Every structure is written in C-alpha cells, then in structure tokens.
Amino acid sequence: MKGILTFLIILALLSIAFVIGSQNEAQVTVNYLIAQANLRLSTLIAITLSIGVGVGILIMLLSWLKLRVQLMSAQSKIQSLEQEH
C-alpha cells in the first residue's frame, strides 16, 4: 500500500511538472557569480526543484542517521542492563 501511494504521489508531481514545463517556454537570463546563462524558464524551474529536493533528502538522511545511531546506542544500553539482572 505504501509503495502504491508513493508511486501515485510521484506520478502526480511529474504530471504537475510536465504541465508547468509546457506552459513556460520563455527564455530567462540567469547570472551566476562568475558566469551567466540563457535558459528556458521550465528548465530553470526543473533545476531549482531538483536542487531543493536533493538538499531536502540530504538533510533528512543526516537526521535519520543521527537517530539511527541514538537508537543503536540505546539498544546496546538496554541489552547491557538486561544482562546485569
């Protein structure tokens, strides 16, 4: 059930991205610190969305790893306390 829900959410997001991309054909100039580029607005939206999702996943992964280490530490303490009694 969780896999189907995840698939439907991804499908909905891709559909929204397709609709937004098809409606934004204008050229925009993006100024970087050392360069500049002319991109279609839909491409710029896709790039910034991808970067945002990547940063979000990275932050969630770091938080998950921290919690995982805390859980393993707590489990080892529980096991050592159970062995004492």
PDB file of N, CA and C in Angstrom:
ATOM      1  N   MET A   1       0.820  -1.189   0.000  1.00  0.00           N
ATOM      2  CA  MET A   1       0.000   0.000   0.000  1.00  0.00           C
ATOM      3  C   MET A   1       0.871   1.262   0.000  1.00  0.00           C
ATOM      4  N   LYS A   2       1.944   1.239   0.799  1.00  0.00           N
ATOM      5  CA  LYS A   2       2.831   2.397   0.868  1.00  0.00           C
ATOM      6  C   LYS A   2       3.507   2.642  -0.482  1.00  0.00           C
ATOM      7  N   GLY A   3       3.886   1.573  -1.161  1.00  0.00           N
ATOM      8  CA  GLY A   3       4.524   1.705  -2.467  1.00  0.00           C
ATOM      9  C   GLY A   3       3.592   2.300  -3.507  1.00  0.00           C
ATOM     10  N   ILE A   4       2.328   1.906  -3.470  1.00  0.00           N
ATOM     11  CA  ILE A   4       1.345   2.440  -4.414  1.00  0.00           C
ATOM     12  C   ILE A   4       1.122   3.923  -4.152  1.00  0.00           C
ATOM     13  N   LEU A   5       1.021   4.298  -2.876  1.00  0.00           N
ATOM     14  CA  LEU A   5       0.831   5.700  -2.528  1.00  0.00           C
ATOM     15  C   LEU A   5       2.029   6.540  -2.960  1.00  0.00           C
ATOM     16  N   THR A   6       3.228   6.033  -2.740  1.00  0.00           N
ATOM     17  CA  THR A   6       4.437   6.740  -3.170  1.00  0.00           C
ATOM     18  C   THR A   6       4.450   6.896  -4.683  1.00  0.00           C
ATOM     19  N   PHE A   7       4.103   5.851  -5.402  1.00  0.00           N
ATOM     20  CA  PHE A   7       4.057   5.903  -6.865  1.00  0.00           C
ATOM     21  C   PHE A   7       3.048   6.943  -7.343  1.00  0.00           C
ATOM     22  N   LEU A   8       1.876   6.994  -6.726  1.00  0.00           N
ATOM     23  CA  LEU A   8       0.855   7.959  -7.129  1.00  0.00           C
ATOM     24  C   LEU A   8       1.300   9.400  -6.851  1.00  0.00           C
ATOM     25  N   ILE A   9       1.985   9.614  -5.730  1.00  0.00           N
ATOM     26  CA  ILE A   9       2.480  10.952  -5.426  1.00  0.00           C
ATOM     27  C   ILE A   9       3.531  11.378  -6.441  1.00  0.00           C
ATOM     28  N   ILE A  10       4.449  10.473  -6.767  1.00  0.00           N
ATOM     29  CA  ILE A  10       5.484  10.778  -7.767  1.00  0.00           C
ATOM     30  C   ILE A  10       4.848  11.040  -9.130  1.00  0.00           C
ATOM     31  N   LEU A  11       3.862  10.250  -9.492  1.00  0.00           N
ATOM     32  CA  LEU A  11       3.170  10.437 -10.763  1.00  0.00           C
ATOM     33  C   LEU A  11       2.467  11.790 -10.809  1.00  0.00           C
ATOM     34  N   ALA A  12       1.837  12.180  -9.710  1.00  0.00           N
ATOM     35  CA  ALA A  12       1.163  13.480  -9.655  1.00  0.00           C
ATOM     36  C   ALA A  12       2.176  14.618  -9.773  1.00  0.00           C
ATOM     37  N   LEU A  13       3.311  14.501  -9.077  1.00  0.00           N
ATOM     38  CA  LEU A  13       4.336  15.547  -9.158  1.00  0.00           C
ATOM     39  C   LEU A  13       4.914  15.656 -10.568  1.00  0.00           C
ATOM     40  N   LEU A  14       5.145  14.534 -11.210  1.00  0.00           N
ATOM     41  CA  LEU A  14       5.654  14.558 -12.583  1.00  0.00           C
ATOM     42  C   LEU A  14       4.637  15.162 -13.549  1.00  0.00           C
ATOM     43  N   SER A  15       3.360  14.885 -13.325  1.00  0.00           N
ATOM     44  CA  SER A  15       2.308  15.473 -14.159  1.00  0.00           C
ATOM     45  C   SER A  15       2.266  16.982 -13.997  1.00  0.00           C
ATOM     46  N   ILE A  16       2.363  17.444 -12.747  1.00  0.00           N
ATOM     47  CA  ILE A  16       2.374  18.882 -12.489  1.00  0.00           C
ATOM     48  C   ILE A  16       3.597  19.521 -13.135  1.00  0.00           C
ATOM     49  N   ALA A  17       4.752  18.873 -13.005  1.00  0.00           N
ATOM     50  CA  ALA A  17       5.976  19.401 -13.608  1.00  0.00           C
ATOM     51  C   ALA A  17       5.851  19.470 -15.130  1.00  0.00           C
ATOM     52  N   PHE A  18       5.217  18.476 -15.738  1.00  0.00           N
ATOM     53  CA  PHE A  18       5.031  18.479 -17.182  1.00  0.00           C
ATOM     54  C   PHE A  18       4.142  19.634 -17.617  1.00  0.00           C
ATOM     55  N   VAL A  19       3.057  19.855 -16.872  1.00  0.00           N
ATOM     56  CA  VAL A  19       2.139  20.946 -17.216  1.00  0.00           C
ATOM     57  C   VAL A  19       2.830  22.292 -17.059  1.00  0.00           C
ATOM     58  N   ILE A  20       3.547  22.486 -15.966  1.00  0.00           N
ATOM     59  CA  ILE A  20       4.265  23.746 -15.755  1.00  0.00           C
ATOM     60  C   ILE A  20       5.326  23.940 -16.834  1.00  0.00           C
ATOM     61  N   GLY A  21       6.049  22.888 -17.147  1.00  0.00           N
ATOM     62  CA  GLY A  21       7.092  22.982 -18.158  1.00  0.00           C
ATOM     63  C   GLY A  21       6.558  23.298 -19.536  1.00  0.00           C
ATOM     64  N   SER A  22       5.414  22.770 -19.868  1.00  0.00           N
ATOM     65  CA  SER A  22       4.864  23.021 -21.195  1.00  0.00           C
ATOM     66  C   SER A  22       4.311  24.437 -21.330  1.00  0.00           C
ATOM     67  N   GLN A  23       4.012  25.089 -20.231  1.00  0.00           N
ATOM     68  CA  GLN A  23       3.453  26.439 -20.267  1.00  0.00           C
ATOM     69  C   GLN A  23       4.507  27.539 -20.127  1.00  0.00           C
ATOM     70  N   ASN A  24       5.734  27.198 -19.809  1.00  0.00           N
ATOM     71  CA  ASN A  24       6.782  28.192 -19.575  1.00  0.00           C
ATOM     72  C   ASN A  24       7.914  28.033 -20.585  1.00  0.00           C
ATOM     73  N   GLU A  25       7.736  28.592 -21.751  1.00  0.00           N
ATOM     74  CA  GLU A  25       8.721  28.482 -22.827  1.00  0.00           C
ATOM     75  C   GLU A  25       9.637  29.705 -22.916  1.00  0.00           C
ATOM     76  N   ALA A  26       9.422  30.712 -22.084  1.00  0.00           N
ATOM     77  CA  ALA A  26      10.182  31.959 -22.186  1.00  0.00           C
ATOM     78  C   ALA A  26      11.652  31.738 -21.818  1.00  0.00           C
ATOM     79  N   GLN A  27      12.524  32.521 -22.461  1.00  0.00           N
ATOM     80  CA  GLN A  27      13.952  32.490 -22.167  1.00  0.00           C
ATOM     81  C   GLN A  27      14.248  33.485 -21.045  1.00  0.00           C
ATOM     82  N   VAL A  28      15.031  33.047 -20.057  1.00  0.00           N
ATOM     83  CA  VAL A  28      15.444  33.937 -18.972  1.00  0.00           C
ATOM     84  C   VAL A  28      16.963  33.893 -18.861  1.00  0.00           C
ATOM     85  N   THR A  29      17.541  34.990 -18.386  1.00  0.00           N
ATOM     86  CA  THR A  29      18.980  35.071 -18.173  1.00  0.00           C
ATOM     87  C   THR A  29      19.252  34.867 -16.699  1.00  0.00           C
ATOM     88  N   VAL A  30      20.123  33.897 -16.404  1.00  0.00           N
ATOM     89  CA  VAL A  30      20.493  33.593 -15.023  1.00  0.00           C
ATOM     90  C   VAL A  30      21.938  34.036 -14.832  1.00  0.00           C
ATOM     91  N   ASN A  31      22.166  34.914 -13.854  1.00  0.00           N
ATOM     92  CA  ASN A  31      23.507  35.396 -13.558  1.00  0.00           C
ATOM     93  C   ASN A  31      24.076  34.627 -12.383  1.00  0.00           C
ATOM     94  N   TYR A  32      25.168  33.919 -12.620  1.00  0.00           N
ATOM     95  CA  TYR A  32      25.893  33.227 -11.563  1.00  0.00           C
ATOM     96  C   TYR A  32      26.962  34.182 -11.025  1.00  0.00           C
ATOM     97  N   LEU A  33      27.744  33.708 -10.086  1.00  0.00           N
ATOM     98  CA  LEU A  33      28.820  34.540  -9.563  1.00  0.00           C
ATOM     99  C   LEU A  33      29.872  34.836 -10.628  1.00  0.00           C
ATOM    100  N   ILE A  34      30.181  33.838 -11.454  1.00  0.00           N
ATOM    101  CA  ILE A  34      31.254  34.028 -12.437  1.00  0.00           C
ATOM    102  C   ILE A  34      30.785  33.852 -13.879  1.00  0.00           C
ATOM    103  N   ALA A  35      29.494  33.577 -14.096  1.00  0.00           N
ATOM    104  CA  ALA A  35      29.020  33.346 -15.458  1.00  0.00           C
ATOM    105  C   ALA A  35      27.550  33.731 -15.558  1.00  0.00           C
ATOM    106  N   GLN A  36      27.028  33.574 -16.756  1.00  0.00           N
ATOM    107  CA  GLN A  36      25.602  33.796 -16.971  1.00  0.00           C
ATOM    108  C   GLN A  36      25.133  32.821 -18.036  1.00  0.00           C
ATOM    109  N   ALA A  37      23.865  32.474 -17.962  1.00  0.00           N
ATOM    110  CA  ALA A  37      23.323  31.512 -18.918  1.00  0.00           C
ATOM    111  C   ALA A  37      21.911  31.924 -19.320  1.00  0.00           C
ATOM    112  N   ASN A  38      21.547  31.609 -20.539  1.00  0.00           N
ATOM    113  CA  ASN A  38      20.183  31.790 -21.015  1.00  0.00           C
ATOM    114  C   ASN A  38      19.502  30.428 -21.005  1.00  0.00           C
ATOM    115  N   LEU A  39      18.454  30.304 -20.205  1.00  0.00           N
ATOM    116  CA  LEU A  39      17.740  29.043 -20.069  1.00  0.00           C
ATOM    117  C   LEU A  39      16.252  29.262 -20.284  1.00  0.00           C
ATOM    118  N   ARG A  40      15.570  28.212 -20.699  1.00  0.00           N
ATOM    119  CA  ARG A  40      14.110  28.268 -20.713  1.00  0.00           C
ATOM    120  C   ARG A  40      13.627  28.270 -19.273  1.00  0.00           C
ATOM    121  N   LEU A  41      12.541  28.934 -18.998  1.00  0.00           N
ATOM    122  CA  LEU A  41      12.018  29.040 -17.652  1.00  0.00           C
ATOM    123  C   LEU A  41      11.670  27.666 -17.084  1.00  0.00           C
ATOM    124  N   SER A  42      11.143  26.784 -17.911  1.00  0.00           N
ATOM    125  CA  SER A  42      10.808  25.440 -17.442  1.00  0.00           C
ATOM    126  C   SER A  42      12.061  24.672 -17.020  1.00  0.00           C
ATOM    127  N   THR A  43      13.168  24.853 -17.731  1.00  0.00           N
ATOM    128  CA  THR A  43      14.422  24.201 -17.372  1.00  0.00           C
ATOM    129  C   THR A  43      14.942  24.745 -16.050  1.00  0.00           C
ATOM    130  N   LEU A  44      14.856  26.050 -15.868  1.00  0.00           N
ATOM    131  CA  LEU A  44      15.290  26.667 -14.618  1.00  0.00           C
ATOM    132  C   LEU A  44      14.455  26.166 -13.438  1.00  0.00           C
ATOM    133  N   ILE A  45      13.149  26.048 -13.630  1.00  0.00           N
ATOM    134  CA  ILE A  45      12.280  25.527 -12.577  1.00  0.00           C
ATOM    135  C   ILE A  45      12.662  24.087 -12.240  1.00  0.00           C
ATOM    136  N   ALA A  46      12.920  23.267 -13.256  1.00  0.00           N
ATOM    137  CA  ALA A  46      13.287  21.871 -13.024  1.00  0.00           C
ATOM    138  C   ALA A  46      14.613  21.762 -12.277  1.00  0.00           C
ATOM    139  N   ILE A  47      15.577  22.600 -12.632  1.00  0.00           N
ATOM    140  CA  ILE A  47      16.887  22.561 -11.970  1.00  0.00           C
ATOM    141  C   ILE A  47      16.760  22.967 -10.515  1.00  0.00           C
ATOM    142  N   THR A  48      16.058  24.065 -10.253  1.00  0.00           N
ATOM    143  CA  THR A  48      15.935  24.517  -8.866  1.00  0.00           C
ATOM    144  C   THR A  48      15.106  23.544  -8.038  1.00  0.00           C
ATOM    145  N   LEU A  49      14.093  22.939  -8.629  1.00  0.00           N
ATOM    146  CA  LEU A  49      13.310  21.934  -7.913  1.00  0.00           C
ATOM    147  C   LEU A  49      14.176  20.724  -7.575  1.00  0.00           C
ATOM    148  N   SER A  50      14.994  20.285  -8.515  1.00  0.00           N
ATOM    149  CA  SER A  50      15.873  19.135  -8.275  1.00  0.00           C
ATOM    150  C   SER A  50      16.888  19.434  -7.177  1.00  0.00           C
ATOM    151  N   ILE A  51      17.454  20.628  -7.201  1.00  0.00           N
ATOM    152  CA  ILE A  51      18.409  21.004  -6.153  1.00  0.00           C
ATOM    153  C   ILE A  51      17.718  21.043  -4.794  1.00  0.00           C
ATOM    154  N   GLY A  52      16.521  21.601  -4.741  1.00  0.00           N
ATOM    155  CA  GLY A  52      15.771  21.662  -3.490  1.00  0.00           C
ATOM    156  C   GLY A  52      15.432  20.290  -2.943  1.00  0.00           C
ATOM    157  N   VAL A  53      14.999  19.395  -3.812  1.00  0.00           N
ATOM    158  CA  VAL A  53      14.692  18.028  -3.387  1.00  0.00           C
ATOM    159  C   VAL A  53      15.953  17.334  -2.906  1.00  0.00           C
ATOM    160  N   GLY A  54      17.053  17.516  -3.606  1.00  0.00           N
ATOM    161  CA  GLY A  54      18.319  16.903  -3.198  1.00  0.00           C
ATOM    162  C   GLY A  54      18.783  17.381  -1.834  1.00  0.00           C
ATOM    163  N   VAL A  55      18.702  18.686  -1.600  1.00  0.00           N
ATOM    164  CA  VAL A  55      19.094  19.230  -0.299  1.00  0.00           C
ATOM    165  C   VAL A  55      18.162  18.707   0.794  1.00  0.00           C
ATOM    166  N   GLY A  56      16.873  18.660   0.508  1.00  0.00           N
ATOM    167  CA  GLY A  56      15.913  18.134   1.485  1.00  0.00           C
ATOM    168  C   GLY A  56      16.185  16.675   1.834  1.00  0.00           C
ATOM    169  N   ILE A  57      16.469  15.865   0.836  1.00  0.00           N
ATOM    170  CA  ILE A  57      16.777  14.453   1.080  1.00  0.00           C
ATOM    171  C   ILE A  57      18.061  14.314   1.885  1.00  0.00           C
ATOM    172  N   LEU A  58      19.060  15.135   1.574  1.00  0.00           N
ATOM    173  CA  LEU A  58      20.316  15.096   2.310  1.00  0.00           C
ATOM    174  C   LEU A  58      20.101  15.442   3.783  1.00  0.00           C
ATOM    175  N   ILE A  59      19.335  16.473   4.054  1.00  0.00           N
ATOM    176  CA  ILE A  59      19.056  16.859   5.442  1.00  0.00           C
ATOM    177  C   ILE A  59      18.286  15.759   6.163  1.00  0.00           C
ATOM    178  N   MET A  60      17.291  15.177   5.490  1.00  0.00           N
ATOM    179  CA  MET A  60      16.528  14.094   6.112  1.00  0.00           C
ATOM    180  C   MET A  60      17.413  12.877   6.361  1.00  0.00           C
ATOM    181  N   LEU A  61      18.315  12.580   5.441  1.00  0.00           N
ATOM    182  CA  LEU A  61      19.204  11.440   5.602  1.00  0.00           C
ATOM    183  C   LEU A  61      20.134  11.634   6.795  1.00  0.00           C
ATOM    184  N   LEU A  62      20.680  12.837   6.938  1.00  0.00           N
ATOM    185  CA  LEU A  62      21.552  13.113   8.075  1.00  0.00           C
ATOM    186  C   LEU A  62      20.788  12.994   9.393  1.00  0.00           C
ATOM    187  N   SER A  63      19.571  13.492   9.420  1.00  0.00           N
ATOM    188  CA  SER A  63      18.745  13.394  10.622  1.00  0.00           C
ATOM    189  C   SER A  63      18.423  11.928  10.918  1.00  0.00           C
ATOM    190  N   TRP A  64      18.112  11.159   9.891  1.00  0.00           N
ATOM    191  CA  TRP A  64      17.795   9.741  10.068  1.00  0.00           C
ATOM    192  C   TRP A  64      19.003   8.984  10.599  1.00  0.00           C
ATOM    193  N   LEU A  65      20.183   9.277  10.062  1.00  0.00           N
ATOM    194  CA  LEU A  65      21.392   8.602  10.536  1.00  0.00           C
ATOM    195  C   LEU A  65      21.677   8.929  11.997  1.00  0.00           C
ATOM    196  N   LYS A  66      21.481  10.167  12.402  1.00  0.00           N
ATOM    197  CA  LYS A  66      21.680  10.561  13.790  1.00  0.00           C
ATOM    198  C   LYS A  66      20.731   9.794  14.709  1.00  0.00           C
ATOM    199  N   LEU A  67      19.477   9.712  14.313  1.00  0.00           N
ATOM    200  CA  LEU A  67      18.503   8.971  15.113  1.00  0.00           C
ATOM    201  C   LEU A  67      18.821   7.476  15.145  1.00  0.00           C
ATOM    202  N   ARG A  68      19.316   6.956  14.046  1.00  0.00           N
ATOM    203  CA  ARG A  68      19.676   5.541  13.969  1.00  0.00           C
ATOM    204  C   ARG A  68      20.829   5.223  14.932  1.00  0.00           C
ATOM    205  N   VAL A  69      21.828   6.105  15.009  1.00  0.00           N
ATOM    206  CA  VAL A  69      22.950   5.922  15.928  1.00  0.00           C
ATOM    207  C   VAL A  69      22.459   5.994  17.368  1.00  0.00           C
ATOM    208  N   GLN A  70      21.553   6.938  17.667  1.00  0.00           N
ATOM    209  CA  GLN A  70      21.000   7.039  19.012  1.00  0.00           C
ATOM    210  C   GLN A  70      20.216   5.785  19.375  1.00  0.00           C
ATOM    211  N   LEU A  71      19.467   5.243  18.437  1.00  0.00           N
ATOM    212  CA  LEU A  71      18.705   4.026  18.679  1.00  0.00           C
ATOM    213  C   LEU A  71      19.619   2.848  18.957  1.00  0.00           C
ATOM    214  N   MET A  72      20.675   2.692  18.181  1.00  0.00           N
ATOM    215  CA  MET A  72      21.603   1.586  18.393  1.00  0.00           C
ATOM    216  C   MET A  72      22.292   1.718  19.748  1.00  0.00           C
ATOM    217  N   SER A  73      22.627   2.932  20.146  1.00  0.00           N
ATOM    218  CA  SER A  73      23.243   3.165  21.448  1.00  0.00           C
ATOM    219  C   SER A  73      22.277   2.800  22.572  1.00  0.00           C
ATOM    220  N   ALA A  74      21.029   3.207  22.440  1.00  0.00           N
ATOM    221  CA  ALA A  74      20.029   2.895  23.462  1.00  0.00           C
ATOM    222  C   ALA A  74      19.779   1.390  23.549  1.00  0.00           C
ATOM    223  N   GLN A  75      19.738   0.715  22.404  1.00  0.00           N
ATOM    224  CA  GLN A  75      19.533  -0.731  22.410  1.00  0.00           C
ATOM    225  C   GLN A  75      20.691  -1.451  23.078  1.00  0.00           C
ATOM    226  N   SER A  76      21.909  -0.998  22.851  1.00  0.00           N
ATOM    227  CA  SER A  76      23.052  -1.651  23.496  1.00  0.00           C
ATOM    228  C   SER A  76      23.027  -1.415  25.005  1.00  0.00           C
ATOM    229  N   LYS A  77      22.607  -0.241  25.433  1.00  0.00           N
ATOM    230  CA  LYS A  77      22.477   0.026  26.867  1.00  0.00           C
ATOM    231  C   LYS A  77      21.400  -0.858  27.488  1.00  0.00           C
ATOM    232  N   ILE A  78      20.300  -1.039  26.796  1.00  0.00           N
ATOM    233  CA  ILE A  78      19.215  -1.898  27.280  1.00  0.00           C
ATOM    234  C   ILE A  78      19.719  -3.331  27.411  1.00  0.00           C
ATOM    235  N   GLN A  79      20.452  -3.814  26.416  1.00  0.00           N
ATOM    236  CA  GLN A  79      20.959  -5.178  26.467  1.00  0.00           C
ATOM    237  C   GLN A  79      21.948  -5.358  27.621  1.00  0.00           C
ATOM    238  N   SER A  80      22.799  -4.365  27.846  1.00  0.00           N
ATOM    239  CA  SER A  80      23.762  -4.490  28.951  1.00  0.00           C
ATOM    240  C   SER A  80      23.054  -4.447  30.294  1.00  0.00           C
ATOM    241  N   LEU A  81      22.007  -3.648  30.439  1.00  0.00           N
ATOM    242  CA  LEU A  81      21.236  -3.600  31.671  1.00  0.00           C
ATOM    243  C   LEU A  81      20.454  -4.888  31.907  1.00  0.00           C
ATOM    244  N   GLU A  82      19.946  -5.487  30.820  1.00  0.00           N
ATOM    245  CA  GLU A  82      19.210  -6.747  30.954  1.00  0.00           C
ATOM    246  C   GLU A  82      20.162  -7.882  31.353  1.00  0.00           C
ATOM    247  N   GLN A  83      21.380  -7.853  30.898  1.00  0.00           N
ATOM    248  CA  GLN A  83      22.340  -8.903  31.228  1.00  0.00           C
ATOM    249  C   GLN A  83      22.787  -8.794  32.681  1.00  0.00           C
ATOM    250  N   GLU A  84      22.764  -7.594  33.241  1.00  0.00           N
ATOM    251  CA  GLU A  84      23.162  -7.411  34.642  1.00  0.00           C
ATOM    252  C   GLU A  84      22.136  -8.039  35.591  1.00  0.00           C
ATOM    253  N   HIS A  85      20.869  -8.028  35.211  1.00  0.00           N
ATOM    254  CA  HIS A  85      19.829  -8.550  36.107  1.00  0.00           C
ATOM    255  C   HIS A  85      19.441  -9.930  35.728  1.00  0.00           C
TER     256      HIS A  85
END
